């Protein structure tokens, strides 16, 4: 009796299954961002979004010892300022990490007294930034996501004249 070869359809089904299992295994060793699925209930922010609207020089640092130098660099960036506009729903228009288009972000308070800036919803999630310092002429933000923090550092915004 002759041995028949499996049909082409059967071959592609098996190949697709093997590929799917192999592809799933590629993500198994990826680090999980601890803040991505967590967060805390947002409370009203003590900071008004209007305080962030304007033209800003922006720079970032990874070590606290570089803060003064970074503030000076942010001032120099006023020749090409980053503009933060008011959003239609009470937030501000800014970029999220790795996004080319700005979207409306919101100031969110927390029971601990921290203020976060990010998409509507829970506070202290991976897409958020914590406002660690603010004055009339500057604010400093730190990313909640360890990955974003390691890539972008602590960001300093200096108001441009």
Protein backbone atom coordinates (compact mmCIF):
# COMPACT_ATOMS: atom_id res chain seq x y z
CA UNK A 1 0.00 0.00 0.00
CA UNK A 2 1.46 3.37 -0.95
CA UNK A 3 2.19 5.91 1.81
CA UNK A 4 0.33 9.15 1.20
CA UNK A 5 1.76 12.55 1.99
CA UNK A 6 -0.25 14.79 4.29
CA UNK A 7 -2.31 17.36 2.50
CA UNK A 8 -0.99 20.87 2.07
CA UNK A 9 -3.77 22.19 4.26
CA UNK A 10 -2.74 19.87 7.10
CA UNK A 11 0.90 20.93 6.70
CA UNK A 12 0.05 24.64 6.97
CA UNK A 13 -2.15 24.02 10.02
CA UNK A 14 0.67 22.25 11.83
CA UNK A 15 3.22 24.88 10.78
CA UNK A 16 0.96 27.71 11.95
CA UNK A 17 0.43 25.99 15.32
CA UNK A 18 4.17 25.53 15.84
CA UNK A 19 4.81 29.16 14.86
CA UNK A 20 2.15 30.41 17.29
CA UNK A 21 3.60 28.42 20.19
CA UNK A 22 7.13 29.58 19.36
CA UNK A 23 6.02 33.20 19.11
CA UNK A 24 4.24 33.03 22.47
CA UNK A 25 7.46 31.76 24.00
CA UNK A 26 9.29 34.86 22.76
CA UNK A 27 7.28 37.02 25.16
CA UNK A 28 7.67 34.70 28.14
CA UNK A 29 11.01 36.22 29.16
CA UNK A 30 9.97 39.85 28.76
CA UNK A 31 10.04 41.89 31.97
CA UNK A 32 6.62 42.80 33.28
CA UNK A 33 6.13 46.43 34.24
CA UNK A 34 4.85 46.20 37.82
CA UNK A 35 2.79 49.39 37.49
CA UNK A 36 1.15 48.45 34.21
CA UNK A 37 -1.83 46.63 35.70
CA UNK A 38 -1.96 48.36 39.05
CA UNK A 39 -2.73 51.83 40.23
CA UNK A 40 -4.61 53.61 42.94
CA UNK A 41 -7.97 55.34 42.81
CA UNK A 42 -7.52 58.88 41.54
CA UNK A 43 -8.65 61.78 43.69
CA UNK A 44 -8.96 65.41 42.63
CA UNK A 45 -5.57 66.98 42.02
CA UNK A 46 -4.34 69.86 44.16
CA UNK A 47 -2.65 71.24 41.03
CA UNK A 48 -4.78 73.03 38.43
CA UNK A 49 -4.10 71.97 34.84
CA UNK A 50 -3.82 75.65 33.82
CA UNK A 51 -0.48 75.77 35.65
CA UNK A 52 1.00 73.45 33.01
CA UNK A 53 -0.33 75.29 29.96
CA UNK A 54 2.34 77.30 28.15
CA UNK A 55 5.68 77.12 26.38
CA UNK A 56 8.41 75.12 28.11
CA UNK A 57 12.07 74.30 27.73
CA UNK A 58 12.53 70.60 28.50
CA UNK A 59 15.56 68.55 29.52
CA UNK A 60 16.09 65.36 31.53
CA UNK A 61 18.59 63.81 33.89
CA UNK A 62 19.27 60.37 35.33
CA UNK A 63 21.33 61.37 38.38
CA UNK A 64 20.30 63.99 40.95
CA UNK A 65 23.77 65.55 40.72
CA UNK A 66 22.92 66.65 37.15
CA UNK A 67 19.79 68.61 38.10
CA UNK A 68 21.32 72.12 37.99
CA UNK A 69 22.99 71.48 34.64
CA UNK A 70 19.70 70.04 33.34
CA UNK A 71 17.74 73.13 34.42
CA UNK A 72 20.21 75.31 32.51
CA UNK A 73 19.83 73.07 29.46
CA UNK A 74 16.03 73.30 29.73
CA UNK A 75 16.30 77.13 29.67
CA UNK A 76 18.37 76.90 26.48
CA UNK A 77 15.64 74.74 24.93
CA UNK A 78 13.29 77.75 24.98
CA UNK A 79 14.64 78.51 21.51
CA UNK A 80 12.51 75.51 20.45
CA UNK A 81 9.88 75.23 23.20
CA UNK A 82 7.56 72.34 23.95
CA UNK A 83 4.02 73.73 23.96
CA UNK A 84 1.42 72.40 26.36
CA UNK A 85 -2.13 73.37 25.43
CA UNK A 86 -5.36 73.09 27.39
CA UNK A 87 -7.43 70.03 26.55
CA UNK A 88 -11.14 70.06 25.79
CA UNK A 89 -12.05 68.08 28.92
CA UNK A 90 -10.04 69.89 31.57
CA UNK A 91 -6.70 68.21 30.97
CA UNK A 92 -3.63 69.23 28.99
CA UNK A 93 -2.38 68.10 25.58
CA UNK A 94 0.96 66.31 25.89
CA UNK A 95 2.75 63.27 24.51
CA UNK A 96 2.78 59.90 26.20
CA UNK A 97 5.98 57.86 26.06
CA UNK A 98 6.76 56.67 22.53
CA UNK A 99 3.72 58.42 21.00
CA UNK A 100 4.07 60.84 18.10
CA UNK A 101 0.72 62.56 18.63
CA UNK A 102 -0.24 64.44 21.79
CA UNK A 103 -3.35 63.42 23.67
CA UNK A 104 -5.28 64.83 26.58
CA UNK A 105 -3.69 63.95 29.90
CA UNK A 106 -5.15 64.65 33.31
CA UNK A 107 -3.79 65.64 36.70
CA UNK A 108 -4.77 62.97 39.24
CA UNK A 109 -4.30 63.10 42.96
CA UNK A 110 -3.83 60.14 45.27
CA UNK A 111 -4.52 59.41 48.93
CA UNK A 112 -0.77 59.57 49.59
CA UNK A 113 -0.73 63.22 48.45
CA UNK A 114 1.18 62.55 45.21
CA UNK A 115 0.00 64.08 41.94
CA UNK A 116 0.14 62.16 38.67
CA UNK A 117 -0.19 63.24 35.06
CA UNK A 118 -1.57 60.73 32.58
CA UNK A 119 -4.60 59.29 30.81
CA UNK A 120 -7.95 59.41 32.59
CA UNK A 121 -8.56 56.67 35.14
CA UNK A 122 -6.53 55.22 37.95
CA UNK A 123 -3.50 57.10 39.26
CA UNK A 124 0.06 55.75 39.42
CA UNK A 125 -0.29 53.46 36.38
CA UNK A 126 2.58 52.80 33.97
CA UNK A 127 1.59 55.55 31.50
CA UNK A 128 1.59 58.18 34.27
CA UNK A 129 4.25 60.59 35.41
CA UNK A 130 4.47 61.77 39.00
CA UNK A 131 4.88 65.51 39.50
CA UNK A 132 7.67 65.65 42.08
CA UNK A 133 8.12 69.45 42.15
CA UNK A 134 6.18 72.43 40.80
CA UNK A 135 6.48 76.22 40.95
CA UNK A 136 5.15 79.05 38.80
CA UNK A 137 8.14 78.76 36.46
CA UNK A 138 8.99 75.07 36.45
CA UNK A 139 7.84 71.55 37.15
CA UNK A 140 9.63 68.24 37.42
CA UNK A 141 8.15 64.86 36.55
CA UNK A 142 9.28 61.30 37.13
CA UNK A 143 7.87 58.39 35.12
CA UNK A 144 5.94 55.72 37.04
CA UNK A 145 7.06 53.00 34.62
CA UNK A 146 10.60 51.83 35.45
CA UNK A 147 11.20 51.26 31.72
CA UNK A 148 10.15 54.81 30.77
CA UNK A 149 12.10 56.19 33.71
CA UNK A 150 15.29 54.42 32.63
CA UNK A 151 14.88 55.66 29.05
CA UNK A 152 13.66 59.22 29.62
CA UNK A 153 14.96 60.07 33.08
CA UNK A 154 13.52 62.74 35.35
CA UNK A 155 12.20 65.55 33.18
CA UNK A 156 12.49 69.24 34.02
CA UNK A 157 10.20 71.81 32.40
CA UNK A 158 11.24 75.48 32.62
CA UNK A 159 8.67 78.13 31.57
CA UNK A 160 9.84 80.12 28.55
CA UNK A 161 9.51 83.92 28.47
